[in-house]
Protein backbone atom coordinates (compact mmCIF):
# COMPACT_ATOMS: atom_id res chain seq x y z
CA MET A 1 -21.87 -49.01 43.05
CA PRO A 2 -25.29 -48.27 41.35
CA GLN A 3 -25.70 -49.54 37.48
CA PHE A 4 -27.66 -47.46 35.41
CA ILE A 5 -29.17 -48.40 31.61
CA VAL A 6 -29.25 -45.04 29.54
CA THR A 7 -31.13 -44.95 26.18
CA GLY A 8 -29.65 -42.49 23.90
CA PRO A 9 -31.51 -40.43 21.55
CA ASP A 10 -30.76 -43.15 18.89
CA ASN A 11 -32.02 -45.53 21.16
CA LYS A 12 -28.80 -47.00 21.77
CA LYS A 13 -28.41 -48.21 25.49
CA TRP A 14 -25.50 -47.63 27.46
CA LYS A 15 -24.52 -49.26 30.86
CA VAL A 16 -23.06 -46.85 33.26
CA ASP A 17 -21.45 -47.81 36.33
CA ALA A 18 -21.91 -45.04 38.60
CA PRO A 19 -19.81 -43.85 41.91
CA SER A 20 -22.03 -44.45 45.21
CA GLY A 21 -24.39 -41.88 45.84
CA SER A 22 -25.26 -41.49 42.22
CA THR A 23 -28.25 -40.59 40.79
CA GLU A 24 -30.17 -41.76 37.24
CA ASN A 25 -30.03 -37.84 35.93
CA ASP A 26 -25.97 -37.97 37.10
CA ALA A 27 -25.57 -41.14 34.43
CA ILE A 28 -27.99 -39.56 31.51
CA ASP A 29 -25.59 -36.47 32.04
CA TYR A 30 -22.19 -38.79 31.53
CA VAL A 31 -23.66 -40.43 28.87
CA THR A 32 -24.43 -37.10 26.92
CA SER A 33 -21.28 -35.65 27.62
CA GLU A 34 -19.14 -38.56 26.36
CA HIS A 35 -21.44 -39.64 23.45
CA TYR A 36 -23.82 -36.99 22.54
CA ALA A 37 -22.18 -33.89 22.85
CA PRO A 38 -22.05 -31.37 20.41
CA GLN A 39 -19.28 -31.37 17.82
CA SER A 40 -16.92 -28.41 17.14
CA PRO A 41 -17.03 -26.68 14.13
CA SER A 42 -15.28 -27.65 11.36
CA LYS A 43 -12.77 -25.02 9.78
CA MET A 44 -14.76 -25.95 6.64
CA GLU A 45 -17.91 -24.86 8.42
CA SER A 46 -16.50 -21.64 10.00
CA LEU A 47 -15.26 -20.39 6.78
CA GLY A 48 -18.35 -21.37 5.28
CA ARG A 49 -20.24 -19.51 7.72
CA GLY A 50 -18.43 -16.54 7.80
CA ALA A 51 -18.69 -16.37 3.51
CA SER A 52 -22.43 -16.56 3.71
CA ASP A 53 -22.81 -14.08 6.78
CA SER A 54 -22.72 -10.88 4.35
CA ALA A 55 -25.65 -12.59 1.99
CA ILE A 56 -27.86 -13.36 5.23
CA GLY A 57 -27.05 -10.49 6.84
CA PHE A 58 -28.26 -8.41 3.80
CA THR A 59 -31.61 -10.46 3.85
CA GLN A 60 -32.36 -10.09 7.52
CA THR A 61 -31.74 -6.34 6.78
CA LEU A 62 -34.00 -6.24 4.03
CA ALA A 63 -36.67 -8.64 6.17
CA ASN A 64 -36.73 -6.01 9.05
CA LEU A 65 -36.91 -3.13 6.63
CA GLY A 66 -40.76 -5.05 5.45
CA PHE A 67 -39.55 -6.86 2.78
CA ARG A 68 -40.30 -10.72 2.39
CA PRO A 69 -36.96 -12.27 0.93
CA GLU A 70 -37.78 -15.63 -0.48
CA ALA A 71 -33.78 -16.44 -0.46
CA VAL A 72 -33.44 -17.25 3.39
CA ASN A 73 -33.21 -21.29 3.00
CA SER A 74 -30.18 -23.48 3.06
CA ALA A 75 -28.63 -22.41 0.24
CA PHE A 76 -26.97 -19.76 2.76
CA ASN A 77 -26.73 -21.56 5.70
CA PRO A 78 -28.21 -25.32 6.42
CA GLN A 79 -28.84 -24.23 9.94
CA ILE A 80 -31.35 -21.54 9.00
CA VAL A 81 -34.67 -22.97 7.48
CA ILE A 82 -37.88 -21.08 8.27
CA PRO A 83 -40.94 -22.58 6.73
CA GLU A 84 -42.88 -20.21 4.16
CA ASN A 85 -45.66 -19.51 6.53
CA ASP A 86 -43.77 -18.95 9.86
CA PHE A 87 -41.56 -15.94 7.88
CA THR A 88 -41.38 -12.80 9.60
CA ALA A 89 -38.75 -10.14 10.62
CA SER A 90 -38.98 -11.42 14.31
CA SER A 91 -38.70 -15.32 13.16
CA LEU A 92 -35.53 -14.64 11.31
CA ASN A 93 -33.97 -12.43 13.83
CA ALA A 94 -34.31 -15.33 16.51
CA THR A 95 -33.58 -18.13 14.14
CA LEU A 96 -30.43 -16.19 13.31
CA ALA A 97 -29.59 -15.73 17.52
CA ASN A 98 -30.06 -19.42 18.07
CA SER A 99 -28.11 -20.50 15.24
CA GLU A 100 -25.29 -18.51 16.53
CA GLN A 101 -25.95 -19.36 20.06
CA ASP A 102 -25.72 -23.16 19.05
CA TYR A 103 -22.80 -22.29 16.76
CA GLN A 104 -20.61 -20.59 19.55
CA SER A 105 -21.47 -23.20 22.39
CA ARG A 106 -20.33 -25.95 20.06
CA ARG A 107 -17.39 -23.91 19.81
CA GLY A 108 -16.86 -23.95 23.45
CA PRO A 109 -15.84 -20.89 25.88
CA ASN A 110 -12.52 -20.94 25.55
CA ALA A 111 -12.20 -21.61 21.61
CA GLY A 112 -10.53 -18.06 21.09
CA THR A 113 -10.65 -16.06 17.91
CA ASP A 114 -12.43 -17.65 14.99
CA TYR A 115 -10.05 -16.96 12.14
CA MET A 116 -11.56 -19.33 10.10
CA ARG A 117 -14.98 -17.63 9.78
CA GLY A 118 -12.89 -14.30 9.79
CA ALA A 119 -11.59 -15.35 6.74
CA GLY A 120 -14.66 -16.45 5.29
CA GLU A 121 -16.29 -12.95 5.77
CA ILE A 122 -13.08 -11.39 4.32
CA LEU A 123 -13.80 -13.37 1.12
CA GLY A 124 -17.63 -12.32 1.29
CA THR A 125 -16.17 -8.99 0.69
CA VAL A 126 -13.86 -9.44 -2.13
CA PRO A 127 -16.38 -8.46 -4.87
CA LEU A 128 -16.73 -5.26 -3.13
CA MET A 129 -13.33 -4.30 -2.89
CA PHE A 130 -12.79 -4.82 -6.55
CA ALA A 131 -15.54 -2.97 -7.26
CA GLY A 132 -15.18 0.26 -9.62
CA GLY A 133 -12.10 2.54 -9.59
CA ALA A 134 -9.53 3.27 -6.96
CA PRO A 135 -9.88 6.61 -5.41
CA THR A 136 -6.98 8.52 -6.06
CA THR A 137 -7.16 11.56 -3.40
CA LEU A 138 -7.33 11.49 0.07
CA GLY A 139 -10.67 12.98 0.51
CA ARG A 140 -11.72 10.30 -1.95
CA VAL A 141 -9.87 7.67 -0.34
CA VAL A 142 -11.74 8.67 3.38
CA THR A 143 -15.20 8.65 1.75
CA THR A 144 -14.83 5.40 0.09
CA GLY A 145 -13.46 3.87 2.98
CA MET A 146 -16.31 5.07 5.08
CA GLY A 147 -18.95 3.86 2.28
CA GLN A 148 -17.66 0.63 2.07
CA GLY A 149 -17.57 0.01 5.55
CA ALA A 150 -21.13 1.28 6.28
CA PHE A 151 -22.64 -0.94 3.78
CA THR A 152 -20.21 -3.83 4.99
CA GLY A 153 -21.88 -3.33 8.62
CA ALA A 154 -25.35 -2.80 7.02
CA THR A 155 -24.75 -6.28 5.40
CA MET A 156 -23.47 -8.24 8.82
CA PRO A 157 -26.35 -10.11 10.47
CA VAL A 158 -27.42 -9.22 14.00
CA THR A 159 -26.96 -12.15 16.31
CA ASN A 160 -26.77 -11.28 19.68
CA GLY A 161 -31.10 -11.62 20.37
CA GLY A 162 -30.86 -7.51 21.19
CA ASP A 163 -32.92 -4.91 19.20
CA PHE A 164 -32.10 -5.11 15.34
CA ALA A 165 -32.43 -1.32 14.81
CA LEU A 166 -30.35 -0.56 17.56
CA GLU A 167 -27.78 -2.74 16.98
CA LYS A 168 -27.53 -2.41 12.95
CA ALA A 169 -27.02 1.40 13.82
CA LYS A 170 -24.23 0.70 16.01
CA GLN A 171 -23.03 -1.95 13.12
CA ILE A 172 -23.14 0.88 10.39
CA GLY A 173 -21.57 3.39 12.64
CA ILE A 174 -18.69 1.66 13.62
CA GLY A 175 -18.05 0.51 9.97
CA THR A 176 -18.18 3.98 8.84
CA VAL A 177 -15.84 5.43 11.33
CA THR A 178 -13.38 2.19 11.11
CA GLY A 179 -13.67 1.88 7.14
CA GLY A 180 -13.05 6.25 7.22
CA PHE A 181 -9.59 6.16 9.34
CA ALA A 182 -8.24 2.66 8.28
CA SER A 183 -8.49 3.17 4.31
CA PRO A 184 -5.87 6.06 4.27
CA ALA A 185 -3.68 4.03 6.29
CA MET A 186 -4.24 0.77 4.08
CA THR A 187 -3.46 2.84 0.97
CA VAL A 188 -0.02 4.40 2.50
CA LEU A 189 0.68 0.37 3.18
CA SER A 190 -0.82 -0.46 -0.17
CA LYS A 191 2.15 2.36 -1.77
CA LEU A 192 4.51 0.11 0.24
CA VAL A 193 3.73 -3.00 -1.65
CA SER A 194 3.60 -1.40 -5.36
CA GLY A 195 6.00 1.39 -4.85
CA VAL A 196 5.14 5.04 -3.82
CA GLY A 197 5.02 8.12 -6.11
CA SER A 198 4.01 8.23 -9.33
CA ARG A 199 5.96 7.42 -12.66
CA ALA A 200 7.65 10.43 -12.69
CA VAL A 201 9.29 9.76 -8.99
CA ASN A 202 10.06 6.00 -10.44
CA SER A 203 12.17 7.54 -13.34
CA LEU A 204 13.96 9.61 -11.30
CA ALA A 205 14.86 6.95 -8.63
CA ALA A 206 15.86 5.01 -11.44
CA GLN A 207 18.25 7.73 -12.19
CA ASP A 208 19.78 7.76 -8.81
CA ILE A 209 18.30 10.86 -7.63
CA LYS A 210 17.66 11.36 -4.19
CA MET A 211 14.36 12.82 -3.17
CA THR A 212 13.22 13.41 -0.09
CA LEU A 213 10.19 11.81 1.64
CA GLY A 214 7.68 14.78 0.73
CA GLN A 215 8.87 14.80 -3.08
CA ILE A 216 8.20 10.99 -3.29
CA ILE A 217 4.96 11.06 -1.72
CA GLY A 218 3.72 14.07 -3.92
CA PRO A 219 3.15 17.72 -4.54
CA THR A 220 1.18 18.67 -1.43
CA ALA A 221 3.63 17.20 1.12
CA SER A 222 6.50 18.50 -1.03
CA ARG A 223 4.82 21.84 -1.05
CA ILE A 224 4.77 21.90 3.08
CA GLU A 225 8.26 19.86 3.40
CA GLU A 226 9.57 23.10 1.34
CA LYS A 227 8.13 25.35 3.78
CA PHE A 228 10.10 23.52 6.57
CA ALA A 229 13.00 23.71 4.80
CA ASP A 230 13.06 27.50 5.47
CA TYR A 231 13.61 26.63 9.02
CA ILE A 232 15.36 23.65 9.38
CA PRO A 233 18.72 23.22 7.95
CA PHE A 234 18.27 19.30 8.03
CA VAL A 235 15.28 19.23 5.61
CA SER A 236 16.90 22.44 3.63
CA GLY A 237 20.21 20.15 3.16
CA ALA A 238 18.07 17.10 1.70
CA ARG A 239 16.28 19.44 -0.64
CA GLN A 240 19.27 20.53 -1.71
CA ARG A 241 20.67 17.19 -2.44
CA ALA A 242 17.64 16.30 -4.61
CA PHE A 243 18.58 19.05 -6.95
CA ASP A 244 22.24 18.48 -6.99
CA SER A 245 21.61 14.64 -7.84
CA PHE A 246 19.36 16.09 -10.52
CA ASN A 247 22.24 17.98 -11.76
CA SER A 248 24.26 15.02 -11.30
CA ALA A 249 22.09 12.99 -13.45
CA ALA A 250 21.89 15.54 -16.08
CA TYR A 251 25.33 15.09 -16.60
CA GLU A 252 25.11 11.53 -16.74
CA ARG A 253 22.81 11.85 -19.66
CA VAL A 254 25.58 13.97 -21.40
CA ILE A 255 28.09 11.23 -21.36
CA LYS A 256 25.62 8.06 -21.98
CA PRO A 257 26.14 7.83 -25.82
CA LEU A 258 30.03 7.48 -25.47
CA ASN A 259 29.61 5.23 -22.51
CA ASP A 260 26.99 2.99 -24.00
CA LEU A 261 29.96 2.69 -26.70
CA GLY A 262 32.40 1.60 -24.29
CA PHE A 263 34.25 4.69 -23.57
CA ASN A 264 33.71 4.02 -19.68
CA ILE A 265 33.72 7.85 -18.89
CA LYS A 266 33.43 8.38 -14.85
CA LEU A 267 32.63 11.68 -13.27
CA GLY A 268 33.09 13.10 -10.08
CA ALA A 269 30.92 14.52 -7.40
CA GLU A 270 31.00 18.03 -8.35
CA VAL A 271 27.85 19.75 -9.29
CA GLY A 272 27.77 23.52 -10.77
CA ASP A 273 30.39 25.21 -12.29
CA ALA A 274 32.77 22.39 -11.68
CA GLY A 275 30.67 19.51 -12.48
CA VAL A 276 29.92 21.11 -15.91
CA THR A 277 33.57 21.95 -16.34
CA GLU A 278 34.51 18.18 -16.05
CA VAL A 279 31.70 17.18 -18.21
CA ALA A 280 33.04 19.68 -20.84
CA GLU A 281 36.58 17.99 -20.53
CA LYS A 282 35.53 14.24 -20.51
CA VAL A 283 33.43 14.54 -23.71
CA SER A 284 36.08 16.77 -25.43
CA GLY A 285 38.80 14.51 -24.39
CA ALA A 286 36.29 11.32 -25.85
CA TYR A 287 36.31 13.25 -29.41
CA GLN A 288 40.22 13.83 -29.04
CA LYS A 289 40.59 9.86 -29.01
CA ILE A 290 38.47 9.53 -32.48
CA LEU A 291 39.79 12.68 -34.28
CA PRO A 292 43.53 11.36 -35.10
CA ASN A 293 41.68 8.51 -37.15
CA LEU A 294 39.12 10.78 -39.08
CA ASN A 295 39.34 12.56 -42.48
CA PHE A 296 37.05 14.78 -44.59
CA ASN A 297 36.63 15.03 -48.28
CA PRO A 298 33.45 16.90 -49.76
CA ASP A 299 31.61 14.27 -52.06
CA ASN A 300 28.84 14.75 -54.49
CA VAL A 301 25.83 14.16 -51.47
CA LEU A 302 27.18 17.08 -49.67
CA LYS A 303 26.97 19.25 -52.59
CA LYS A 304 23.24 18.44 -53.44
CA ASP A 305 22.46 18.77 -49.84
CA LEU A 306 24.03 22.31 -49.84
CA GLU A 307 22.09 23.53 -52.87
CA ASP A 308 18.76 22.10 -50.71
CA VAL A 309 19.63 24.21 -47.79
CA VAL A 310 19.95 27.26 -49.92
CA ASN A 311 16.78 26.55 -51.84
CA ASP A 312 14.80 26.06 -48.70
CA TYR A 313 16.12 28.22 -46.35
CA VAL A 314 18.88 30.65 -47.47
CA SER A 315 16.45 31.64 -50.83
CA ASP A 316 14.30 33.40 -47.94
CA LEU A 317 16.78 35.52 -46.53
CA ALA A 318 17.18 39.20 -47.50
CA PRO A 319 20.52 39.66 -50.33
CA ASP A 320 22.77 40.87 -47.31
CA LEU A 321 22.28 37.95 -45.47
CA GLN A 322 22.43 35.74 -48.05
CA ALA A 323 25.77 37.02 -49.04
CA LYS A 324 26.53 36.73 -44.98
CA PHE A 325 25.57 33.08 -45.13
CA ARG A 326 28.15 32.16 -47.79
CA ASP A 327 30.99 34.31 -46.54
CA GLU A 328 30.50 32.76 -42.90
CA LEU A 329 30.40 29.13 -44.76
CA GLU A 330 33.44 29.56 -46.91
CA ARG A 331 35.68 31.67 -44.63
CA ARG A 332 35.15 29.58 -41.66
CA PHE A 333 34.81 26.08 -42.95
CA PHE A 334 35.62 25.48 -47.14
CA ARG A 335 38.41 27.53 -47.14
CA LYS A 336 40.38 25.12 -44.47
CA ILE A 337 39.73 22.12 -46.99
CA GLY A 338 43.43 21.19 -48.76
CA PRO A 339 43.74 19.18 -51.89
CA ASN A 340 43.75 15.88 -49.63
CA GLY A 341 40.83 17.20 -47.74
CA MET A 342 40.93 17.58 -43.97
CA THR A 343 42.53 15.45 -41.09
CA GLY A 344 40.35 15.32 -37.86
CA GLU A 345 42.24 18.02 -35.92
CA VAL A 346 41.74 20.35 -38.93
CA TYR A 347 37.54 19.54 -39.01
CA GLN A 348 37.47 20.11 -35.54
CA ASP A 349 39.11 23.27 -35.74
CA ALA A 350 36.90 24.31 -38.82
CA ALA A 351 33.50 22.82 -37.33
CA SER A 352 34.22 24.28 -34.12
CA SER A 353 34.42 27.95 -35.79
CA LEU A 354 31.50 27.32 -37.81
CA LYS A 355 29.21 26.31 -34.58
CA LYS A 356 30.29 29.57 -32.94
CA ALA A 357 28.87 31.72 -35.99
CA ILE A 358 25.53 29.10 -35.40
CA ASP A 359 25.36 30.21 -31.61
CA ASP A 360 26.03 34.06 -32.56
CA TYR A 361 22.91 33.75 -34.53
CA SER A 362 20.92 31.81 -32.34
CA GLY A 363 20.83 34.20 -29.02
CA ALA A 364 17.70 34.99 -27.15
CA LEU A 365 18.79 38.83 -28.25
CA VAL A 366 18.89 38.27 -32.00
CA ASP A 367 16.77 39.75 -34.17
CA PRO A 368 14.19 37.57 -36.10
CA GLU A 369 15.88 37.75 -39.53
CA LYS A 370 19.39 36.90 -37.66
CA LYS A 371 18.39 34.06 -36.26
CA ALA A 372 16.93 32.78 -39.72
CA LEU A 373 20.69 33.23 -40.71
CA GLY A 374 21.63 30.90 -38.07
CA ARG A 375 19.01 28.31 -38.73
CA SER A 376 20.65 28.40 -42.21
CA LEU A 377 23.77 27.82 -41.02
CA GLN A 378 22.89 25.12 -38.85
CA GLU A 379 21.27 23.10 -41.63
CA ALA A 380 24.29 23.65 -43.67
CA TYR A 381 26.38 22.31 -40.64
CA SER A 382 24.42 19.10 -40.32
CA ALA A 383 24.97 18.37 -43.88
CA ILE A 384 28.42 18.68 -43.03
CA GLN A 385 28.57 16.43 -40.27
CA ALA A 386 26.76 13.91 -42.48
CA ASN A 387 29.49 14.02 -44.80
CA LEU A 388 32.07 13.35 -42.33
CA LYS A 389 30.14 10.47 -41.09
CA ARG A 390 29.93 8.87 -44.71
CA ASN A 391 33.99 9.85 -45.02
CA ASN A 392 34.76 7.43 -41.84
CA PRO A 393 31.99 4.42 -41.69
CA ASP A 394 33.93 2.75 -39.56
CA PHE A 395 33.38 5.73 -36.61
CA ALA A 396 30.27 6.71 -37.45
CA PRO A 397 28.53 5.46 -34.38
CA ALA A 398 31.06 7.02 -32.55
CA LEU A 399 30.80 10.34 -34.47
CA LYS A 400 27.20 9.94 -33.70
CA ALA A 401 27.74 9.24 -29.80
CA VAL A 402 29.98 12.49 -29.99
CA ASP A 403 27.29 14.63 -31.49
CA ARG A 404 24.51 13.83 -29.21
CA SER A 405 26.63 14.22 -26.51
CA PHE A 406 27.67 17.54 -27.58
CA ALA A 407 24.30 18.72 -28.33
CA THR A 408 23.44 17.53 -24.78
CA LEU A 409 26.39 19.54 -23.11
CA ALA A 410 24.97 22.42 -24.93
CA ARG A 411 21.60 22.45 -23.16
CA ILE A 412 23.55 21.66 -19.95
CA LYS A 413 25.79 24.58 -20.40
CA ASP A 414 22.78 26.78 -21.70
CA ALA A 415 21.06 25.74 -18.06
CA ALA A 416 24.02 26.26 -15.91
CA GLN A 417 24.52 29.90 -17.07
CA SER A 418 21.24 30.82 -16.33
CA ALA A 419 21.89 29.78 -12.88
CA LEU A 420 25.01 30.87 -12.35
CA ALA A 421 24.42 34.56 -10.63
CA SER A 422 22.30 32.75 -8.16
CA ASN A 423 23.25 29.27 -7.05
CA GLU A 424 26.85 28.85 -8.97
CA GLY A 425 25.72 26.95 -11.92
CA LYS A 426 23.33 24.33 -10.24
CA PHE A 427 20.29 24.73 -12.06
CA THR A 428 16.78 23.66 -11.38
CA PRO A 429 14.54 21.61 -13.43
CA ALA A 430 12.71 24.92 -14.75
CA GLN A 431 15.99 26.53 -16.08
CA LEU A 432 16.96 22.82 -17.72
CA LEU A 433 13.14 23.00 -19.18
CA ALA A 434 13.87 26.54 -20.43
CA ALA A 435 17.23 25.71 -22.02
CA VAL A 436 15.95 22.39 -23.81
CA LYS A 437 13.30 24.78 -25.34
CA ARG A 438 15.85 27.09 -26.58
CA GLY A 439 17.81 24.47 -28.47
CA ASP A 440 14.68 22.83 -29.55
CA ASN A 441 14.70 23.99 -33.50
CA SER A 442 11.54 21.93 -34.38
CA GLY A 443 8.68 23.69 -35.38
CA ASP A 444 6.51 25.12 -32.16
CA LYS A 445 9.25 23.33 -30.11
CA LEU A 446 7.00 20.54 -30.59
CA ALA A 447 9.84 18.15 -29.69
CA THR A 448 9.84 19.76 -26.28
CA LEU A 449 6.49 19.13 -26.00
CA GLN A 450 6.08 15.28 -27.17
CA GLY A 451 8.75 14.93 -24.78
CA LYS A 452 11.41 14.07 -27.50
CA ALA A 453 13.94 16.94 -27.16
CA LEU A 454 17.07 16.25 -25.33
CA LEU A 455 16.52 16.02 -21.58
CA SER A 456 13.08 17.24 -21.87
CA ASP A 457 11.65 14.25 -19.95
CA LEU A 458 14.21 14.70 -17.25
CA ALA A 459 13.40 18.37 -17.00
CA LYS A 460 9.41 17.68 -17.30
CA GLU A 461 9.91 14.88 -14.33
CA GLY A 462 12.52 17.10 -11.91
CA GLN A 463 9.78 20.07 -12.48
CA LYS A 464 6.80 17.93 -11.40
CA VAL A 465 8.55 16.11 -8.64
CA LEU A 466 11.06 18.68 -7.24
CA GLY A 467 9.65 21.83 -8.03
CA ASN A 468 11.92 24.65 -8.52
CA LYS A 469 12.50 26.67 -5.32
CA VAL A 470 16.30 26.08 -4.57
CA PRO A 471 16.75 25.91 -0.66
CA ASN A 472 18.57 28.88 0.85
CA SER A 473 21.59 28.37 2.93
CA GLY A 474 21.80 28.48 6.64
CA THR A 475 21.74 31.99 8.10
CA ALA A 476 21.68 33.73 11.07
CA GLY A 477 18.01 34.27 10.80
CA ARG A 478 17.57 30.80 10.65
CA MET A 479 19.43 29.73 14.21
CA LEU A 480 16.74 29.75 16.40
CA PRO A 481 14.73 27.22 14.55
CA GLN A 482 18.01 25.34 13.73
CA THR A 483 17.89 24.00 17.52
CA LEU A 484 14.71 21.97 16.40
CA GLY A 485 16.94 19.81 14.31
CA LEU A 486 20.25 18.64 15.80
CA ALA A 487 19.90 15.49 14.40
CA GLY A 488 17.38 14.86 16.95
CA LEU A 489 20.46 13.64 19.76
CA GLY A 490 20.59 16.97 21.50
CA PHE A 491 17.16 17.50 21.47
CA GLY A 492 16.62 14.13 23.18
CA GLY A 493 18.99 14.66 25.44
CA ALA A 494 17.27 18.16 26.74
CA ALA A 495 14.20 15.80 26.75
CA LEU A 496 15.54 13.24 29.16
CA GLY A 497 16.57 16.04 31.32
CA GLY A 498 13.33 17.94 31.51
CA GLY A 499 11.32 14.51 32.46
CA ALA A 500 9.26 11.50 30.69
CA VAL A 501 6.42 13.78 28.88
CA THR A 502 9.19 15.25 26.02
CA LEU A 503 10.81 11.86 25.55
CA PRO A 504 8.00 10.79 22.85
CA ALA A 505 8.74 14.20 21.08
CA ALA A 506 12.30 13.48 21.31
CA ILE A 507 12.29 10.50 19.71
CA ALA A 508 9.94 11.38 16.80
CA ALA A 509 12.60 14.49 16.28
CA GLY A 510 15.28 12.45 16.15
CA ALA A 511 13.76 10.09 14.02
CA GLY A 512 12.43 12.62 11.35
CA SER A 513 15.70 14.21 11.59
CA LEU A 514 17.58 10.71 10.70
CA MET A 515 15.11 10.67 7.53
CA TYR A 516 16.77 13.63 6.06
CA THR A 517 20.28 12.52 6.34
CA ASN A 518 22.16 11.55 3.30
CA PRO A 519 21.80 7.57 4.24
CA GLY A 520 18.61 8.04 5.79
CA GLN A 521 17.30 9.76 2.25
CA ARG A 522 18.48 6.74 0.44
CA ALA A 523 17.22 4.15 2.56
CA VAL A 524 13.91 5.98 2.85
CA GLN A 525 13.72 6.23 -1.35
CA THR A 526 14.72 2.39 -1.14
CA ILE A 527 11.87 1.55 0.67
CA LEU A 528 9.29 3.61 -0.75
CA THR A 529 10.01 3.04 -4.48
CA GLY A 530 13.08 0.19 -4.95
CA GLY A 531 12.47 -3.41 -6.33
CA ARG A 532 8.36 -2.62 -6.65
CA GLY A 533 6.26 -3.45 -9.24
CA GLY A 534 5.19 -6.85 -11.24
CA PRO A 535 1.53 -8.10 -11.47
CA VAL A 536 1.79 -9.81 -8.00
CA ASN A 537 2.44 -6.39 -6.00
CA ASP A 538 -0.22 -4.52 -7.78
CA PHE A 539 -2.38 -7.12 -6.82
CA VAL A 540 -1.64 -6.82 -3.30
CA ALA A 541 -1.33 -3.56 -3.22
CA ARG A 542 -4.74 -3.05 -4.92
CA ALA A 543 -6.34 -5.51 -2.30
CA LEU A 544 -4.91 -3.44 0.29
CA GLN A 545 -6.13 -0.14 -0.65
CA ARG A 546 -9.88 -1.25 -1.04
CA SER A 547 -9.75 -3.20 2.05
CA ALA A 548 -12.10 -0.99 4.11
CA PRO A 549 -14.95 -3.58 3.48
CA ALA A 550 -13.00 -5.88 5.91
CA ILE A 551 -11.65 -3.41 8.15
CA GLY A 552 -15.29 -2.16 8.44
CA LEU A 553 -16.59 -5.42 8.86
CA GLY A 554 -14.28 -6.16 11.65
CA GLY A 555 -15.59 -3.24 13.43
CA ALA A 556 -19.25 -4.50 12.64
CA ASN A 557 -18.43 -7.73 13.96
CA LEU A 558 -17.24 -6.18 17.28
CA VAL A 559 -20.73 -5.12 17.84
CA ALA A 560 -22.37 -8.01 16.44
CA GLY A 561 -20.23 -10.23 18.74
CA ASN A 562 -19.54 -12.85 16.11
CA GLN A 563 -15.60 -13.34 16.92
């Protein structure tokens, strides 16, 4: 067995007992592999190398464009140090290629994906991710992603030793394409984290209004979906459920003031004429529970308030209308006051009679002078209501809630009446908003414009998200397209019988139809809008939406061969 003494690079001597037939070179190779083999890069080295790639690549690009950057030194990477007198673009390219070759050789041929370096490269793109405002339209999302991807490709080092111009063009091209294609997908993913849709969508979702996928995503998608609803029954049905739940949400607004005081009123599932009738009966029932405890006696404050109404409103009317004001007020209300005032039941009868007169003088077809009379009577009625609350301080909160419920109900009835001929009392957001405006007595309808009028916020949000086109019911003219949507099941069976080519289409049709069923509609809405928000979600969503630089970087690295 031959024996060799091998001196290492550090002058350390190694005694090697080699197998028979071994040479001195074999002994040297053995010592080198056992004691002087290059160490694999540490995780921190890989992370640091990735984080510095963008800066080094940017410097390399400048150098190859004819600039002489002084920043290429050990501050970026301790392995890239070029003497001042030897600095050229070619020397930098060669140094980077040799450094990359050494790094990869230390990793070994079976090291797999360099995740730590990739993480470092993504960290290097973070400032670019959060620069500027987030794009808001699809076109801007795509162009921003393309620009960020191209910039990232431009700042990646070329380390494979090939022609710099050609390799850099490839990096920029692939970075542009990957950034442009991936940005819309990442924007959708960011919406899943932060909650899809506008503030109006989230507000409607919080009120349990069942929106469709198109309505949640936005106006363009909703308009496209609206066109499909004319031909596909399950889409039409889902959009009708959205309008029905909008009506139900309006009904809930009517009873909310009463439920806030503990009345615990429950509504059924009916919408349209039956639904409005039920709501009216529930509010009246709550009022009936209060009435036996009430009494009404005119006080000095009411006398002063009525004098103010006369001075501020009635004095501007024509003499005959001034007389009509006094007659209506006396005949319908004050004549019914007895020696001991009014009981709750008598007050309700007198107040209802006065309210009917107010409604008669406030209709859309009433001339302006009589509308002014109606406004004067309304001011007197408000003064009477205030007197009732003063007479019954223990029931003042309940009376206030009843007043608000009846006022909200009046808007609902008005909207339902306008929808009666076309949709059985089921109103659209536009019809509700029109009723809100008619009931708004503020100057220039300012309360409606500011969103402070009763139901104005719901009507405006519904108009923005749901639209105003009520889906048509199924007709004979739509029976042919109906075959496209047999819950995806019959279609799927036909596809199986027709061959494998149509199976993916059948699966897609079935999945698409399920999203427009009642449970599917709820599930989609919960996924896209439920349980989202908060600073952590918003940060992650923003990072995802602006991840085009990292995506472009991944494409550029495919060309560079860094991974």
